[in-house]
Amino acid sequence: MSLFDDLWARQSGLCAICGEAMPENRWRTPHAAVWKKRRPTFDHIRPRAKGGTDAAENLQLAHADCNRRKGAAWKPSAR
């Protein structure tokens, strides 16, 4: 199973940021412009700009538009 497939299954096809459904592929959207904003993308939970890595544990799926809006924002968990 690919990392994408694993994350898709764990997240039940939902965006990790907004919680709404993501289209599984381009043909599940009514228009290319919708696909451009709603397509699933890999999001770094802890952004690389804040020391995050490309490790699978630091990745989640999010709509392209949600991922773009999040940018390098990150709140470390309190311990």
N, C-alpha and C. Protein backbone atom coordinates (compact mmCIF):
# COMPACT_ATOMS: atom_id res chain seq x y z
N MET A 1 0.85 -1.17 0.00
CA MET A 1 0.00 0.00 0.00
C MET A 1 0.90 1.24 0.00
N SER A 2 0.53 2.22 -0.80
CA SER A 2 1.33 3.45 -0.86
C SER A 2 1.02 4.35 0.35
N LEU A 3 1.88 5.30 0.59
CA LEU A 3 1.66 6.25 1.69
C LEU A 3 0.35 6.99 1.47
N PHE A 4 0.09 7.41 0.24
CA PHE A 4 -1.17 8.10 -0.06
C PHE A 4 -2.35 7.22 0.30
N ASP A 5 -2.33 5.97 -0.14
CA ASP A 5 -3.44 5.05 0.14
C ASP A 5 -3.61 4.82 1.64
N ASP A 6 -2.51 4.71 2.36
CA ASP A 6 -2.56 4.50 3.80
C ASP A 6 -3.19 5.72 4.49
N LEU A 7 -2.74 6.92 4.13
CA LEU A 7 -3.30 8.14 4.73
C LEU A 7 -4.77 8.31 4.35
N TRP A 8 -5.10 8.00 3.09
CA TRP A 8 -6.48 8.11 2.62
C TRP A 8 -7.39 7.22 3.47
N ALA A 9 -6.96 5.99 3.71
CA ALA A 9 -7.75 5.05 4.49
C ALA A 9 -7.87 5.52 5.95
N ARG A 10 -6.76 5.94 6.54
CA ARG A 10 -6.78 6.38 7.94
C ARG A 10 -7.65 7.62 8.14
N GLN A 11 -7.67 8.50 7.14
CA GLN A 11 -8.45 9.74 7.24
C GLN A 11 -9.84 9.60 6.64
N SER A 12 -10.19 8.42 6.17
CA SER A 12 -11.50 8.15 5.55
C SER A 12 -11.80 9.11 4.41
N GLY A 13 -10.76 9.53 3.67
CA GLY A 13 -10.95 10.43 2.54
C GLY A 13 -11.29 11.85 2.92
N LEU A 14 -11.05 12.21 4.20
CA LEU A 14 -11.38 13.56 4.67
C LEU A 14 -10.13 14.41 4.82
N CYS A 15 -10.26 15.69 4.54
CA CYS A 15 -9.17 16.65 4.71
C CYS A 15 -8.81 16.74 6.18
N ALA A 16 -7.52 16.64 6.50
CA ALA A 16 -7.06 16.72 7.89
C ALA A 16 -7.21 18.12 8.47
N ILE A 17 -7.38 19.12 7.64
CA ILE A 17 -7.47 20.50 8.13
C ILE A 17 -8.92 20.94 8.32
N CYS A 18 -9.76 20.76 7.30
CA CYS A 18 -11.15 21.24 7.40
C CYS A 18 -12.14 20.13 7.71
N GLY A 19 -11.75 18.88 7.51
CA GLY A 19 -12.62 17.74 7.81
C GLY A 19 -13.63 17.39 6.72
N GLU A 20 -13.60 18.11 5.62
CA GLU A 20 -14.52 17.81 4.51
C GLU A 20 -13.93 16.76 3.58
N ALA A 21 -14.81 16.12 2.82
CA ALA A 21 -14.38 15.07 1.89
C ALA A 21 -13.48 15.63 0.79
N MET A 22 -12.51 14.81 0.40
CA MET A 22 -11.63 15.16 -0.71
C MET A 22 -11.98 14.27 -1.89
N PRO A 23 -11.90 14.79 -3.14
CA PRO A 23 -12.16 13.93 -4.29
C PRO A 23 -11.00 12.95 -4.47
N GLU A 24 -11.34 11.71 -4.78
CA GLU A 24 -10.31 10.68 -4.93
C GLU A 24 -9.47 10.87 -6.19
N ASN A 25 -10.07 11.43 -7.23
CA ASN A 25 -9.34 11.68 -8.46
C ASN A 25 -9.99 12.82 -9.24
N ARG A 26 -9.33 13.25 -10.29
CA ARG A 26 -9.77 14.39 -11.10
C ARG A 26 -11.17 14.18 -11.66
N TRP A 27 -11.52 12.97 -11.96
CA TRP A 27 -12.80 12.69 -12.62
C TRP A 27 -13.97 12.70 -11.64
N ARG A 28 -13.68 12.91 -10.35
CA ARG A 28 -14.74 13.02 -9.34
C ARG A 28 -15.09 14.48 -9.06
N THR A 29 -14.57 15.39 -9.87
CA THR A 29 -14.87 16.81 -9.69
C THR A 29 -15.54 17.34 -10.95
N PRO A 30 -16.43 18.34 -10.79
CA PRO A 30 -17.16 18.84 -11.94
C PRO A 30 -16.33 19.67 -12.92
N HIS A 31 -15.17 20.19 -12.48
CA HIS A 31 -14.40 21.08 -13.33
C HIS A 31 -12.94 21.07 -12.88
N ALA A 32 -12.03 21.32 -13.80
CA ALA A 32 -10.60 21.32 -13.48
C ALA A 32 -10.25 22.36 -12.42
N ALA A 33 -10.96 23.49 -12.40
CA ALA A 33 -10.68 24.53 -11.40
C ALA A 33 -11.03 24.04 -10.00
N VAL A 34 -12.09 23.24 -9.89
CA VAL A 34 -12.47 22.66 -8.59
C VAL A 34 -11.40 21.67 -8.16
N TRP A 35 -10.95 20.83 -9.08
CA TRP A 35 -9.89 19.86 -8.78
C TRP A 35 -8.63 20.56 -8.28
N LYS A 36 -8.28 21.67 -8.91
CA LYS A 36 -7.06 22.39 -8.53
C LYS A 36 -7.10 22.80 -7.06
N LYS A 37 -8.26 23.21 -6.55
CA LYS A 37 -8.38 23.65 -5.16
C LYS A 37 -8.67 22.52 -4.19
N ARG A 38 -9.41 21.50 -4.62
CA ARG A 38 -9.89 20.46 -3.72
C ARG A 38 -9.08 19.17 -3.76
N ARG A 39 -8.10 19.07 -4.67
CA ARG A 39 -7.34 17.82 -4.78
C ARG A 39 -6.59 17.53 -3.49
N PRO A 40 -6.42 16.25 -3.15
CA PRO A 40 -5.66 15.91 -1.95
C PRO A 40 -4.17 16.16 -2.16
N THR A 41 -3.54 16.75 -1.16
CA THR A 41 -2.10 16.99 -1.20
C THR A 41 -1.50 16.52 0.11
N PHE A 42 -0.21 16.25 0.10
CA PHE A 42 0.49 15.91 1.33
C PHE A 42 0.76 17.20 2.10
N ASP A 43 0.37 17.22 3.36
CA ASP A 43 0.60 18.36 4.23
C ASP A 43 1.54 17.92 5.35
N HIS A 44 2.52 18.74 5.64
CA HIS A 44 3.42 18.47 6.76
C HIS A 44 2.73 18.96 8.04
N ILE A 45 2.51 18.07 8.99
CA ILE A 45 1.87 18.45 10.25
C ILE A 45 2.73 19.51 10.93
N ARG A 46 4.00 19.21 11.13
CA ARG A 46 4.97 20.22 11.56
C ARG A 46 5.68 20.66 10.29
N PRO A 47 5.46 21.89 9.84
CA PRO A 47 6.05 22.35 8.57
C PRO A 47 7.57 22.21 8.54
N ARG A 48 8.08 21.95 7.37
CA ARG A 48 9.54 21.85 7.22
C ARG A 48 10.21 23.14 7.65
N ALA A 49 9.55 24.27 7.43
CA ALA A 49 10.11 25.56 7.83
C ALA A 49 10.26 25.67 9.35
N LYS A 50 9.55 24.82 10.08
CA LYS A 50 9.62 24.83 11.55
C LYS A 50 10.32 23.58 12.08
N GLY A 51 11.10 22.94 11.21
CA GLY A 51 11.87 21.77 11.64
C GLY A 51 11.23 20.43 11.37
N GLY A 52 10.09 20.41 10.70
CA GLY A 52 9.41 19.15 10.37
C GLY A 52 10.16 18.37 9.31
N THR A 53 9.88 17.07 9.24
CA THR A 53 10.55 16.21 8.27
C THR A 53 9.54 15.66 7.26
N ASP A 54 10.05 14.92 6.29
CA ASP A 54 9.21 14.26 5.30
C ASP A 54 8.82 12.86 5.76
N ALA A 55 9.05 12.52 7.02
CA ALA A 55 8.70 11.20 7.55
C ALA A 55 7.19 11.01 7.49
N ALA A 56 6.76 9.78 7.27
CA ALA A 56 5.34 9.46 7.15
C ALA A 56 4.55 9.93 8.37
N GLU A 57 5.14 9.88 9.55
CA GLU A 57 4.45 10.29 10.77
C GLU A 57 4.15 11.79 10.80
N ASN A 58 4.82 12.55 9.95
CA ASN A 58 4.64 14.00 9.91
C ASN A 58 3.79 14.44 8.72
N LEU A 59 3.18 13.49 8.03
CA LEU A 59 2.39 13.82 6.85
C LEU A 59 0.92 13.47 7.05
N GLN A 60 0.07 14.27 6.43
CA GLN A 60 -1.36 14.02 6.40
C GLN A 60 -1.87 14.53 5.05
N LEU A 61 -3.07 14.14 4.67
CA LEU A 61 -3.66 14.62 3.43
C LEU A 61 -4.57 15.80 3.72
N ALA A 62 -4.51 16.79 2.84
CA ALA A 62 -5.35 17.99 2.97
C ALA A 62 -5.67 18.52 1.58
N HIS A 63 -6.82 19.19 1.46
CA HIS A 63 -7.14 19.87 0.20
C HIS A 63 -5.98 20.80 -0.15
N ALA A 64 -5.72 20.97 -1.43
CA ALA A 64 -4.66 21.87 -1.87
C ALA A 64 -4.89 23.28 -1.32
N ASP A 65 -6.13 23.74 -1.36
CA ASP A 65 -6.44 25.09 -0.89
C ASP A 65 -6.26 25.21 0.63
N CYS A 66 -6.66 24.20 1.39
CA CYS A 66 -6.47 24.22 2.85
C CYS A 66 -4.99 24.20 3.18
N ASN A 67 -4.24 23.39 2.47
CA ASN A 67 -2.79 23.27 2.68
C ASN A 67 -2.11 24.61 2.40
N ARG A 68 -2.51 25.26 1.32
CA ARG A 68 -1.93 26.56 0.96
C ARG A 68 -2.24 27.61 2.03
N ARG A 69 -3.49 27.63 2.50
CA ARG A 69 -3.87 28.61 3.54
C ARG A 69 -3.14 28.35 4.86
N LYS A 70 -2.93 27.09 5.19
CA LYS A 70 -2.22 26.75 6.43
C LYS A 70 -0.78 27.24 6.36
N GLY A 71 -0.16 27.09 5.22
CA GLY A 71 1.23 27.52 5.03
C GLY A 71 2.15 26.91 6.07
N ALA A 72 2.95 27.75 6.74
CA ALA A 72 3.91 27.27 7.73
C ALA A 72 3.36 27.38 9.16
N ALA A 73 2.04 27.54 9.29
CA ALA A 73 1.45 27.62 10.63
C ALA A 73 1.59 26.28 11.34
N TRP A 74 1.83 26.34 12.63
CA TRP A 74 1.96 25.12 13.44
C TRP A 74 1.90 25.46 14.91
N LYS A 75 1.09 24.71 15.63
CA LYS A 75 1.02 24.88 17.08
C LYS A 75 1.60 23.61 17.71
N PRO A 76 2.73 23.71 18.37
CA PRO A 76 3.28 22.52 19.05
C PRO A 76 2.32 22.07 20.14
N SER A 77 2.23 20.76 20.33
CA SER A 77 1.36 20.25 21.40
C SER A 77 2.02 20.50 22.75
N ALA A 78 1.20 20.88 23.71
CA ALA A 78 1.71 21.13 25.07
C ALA A 78 2.01 19.81 25.76
N ARG A 79 3.08 19.76 26.50
CA ARG A 79 3.44 18.52 27.20
C ARG A 79 3.55 18.78 28.65
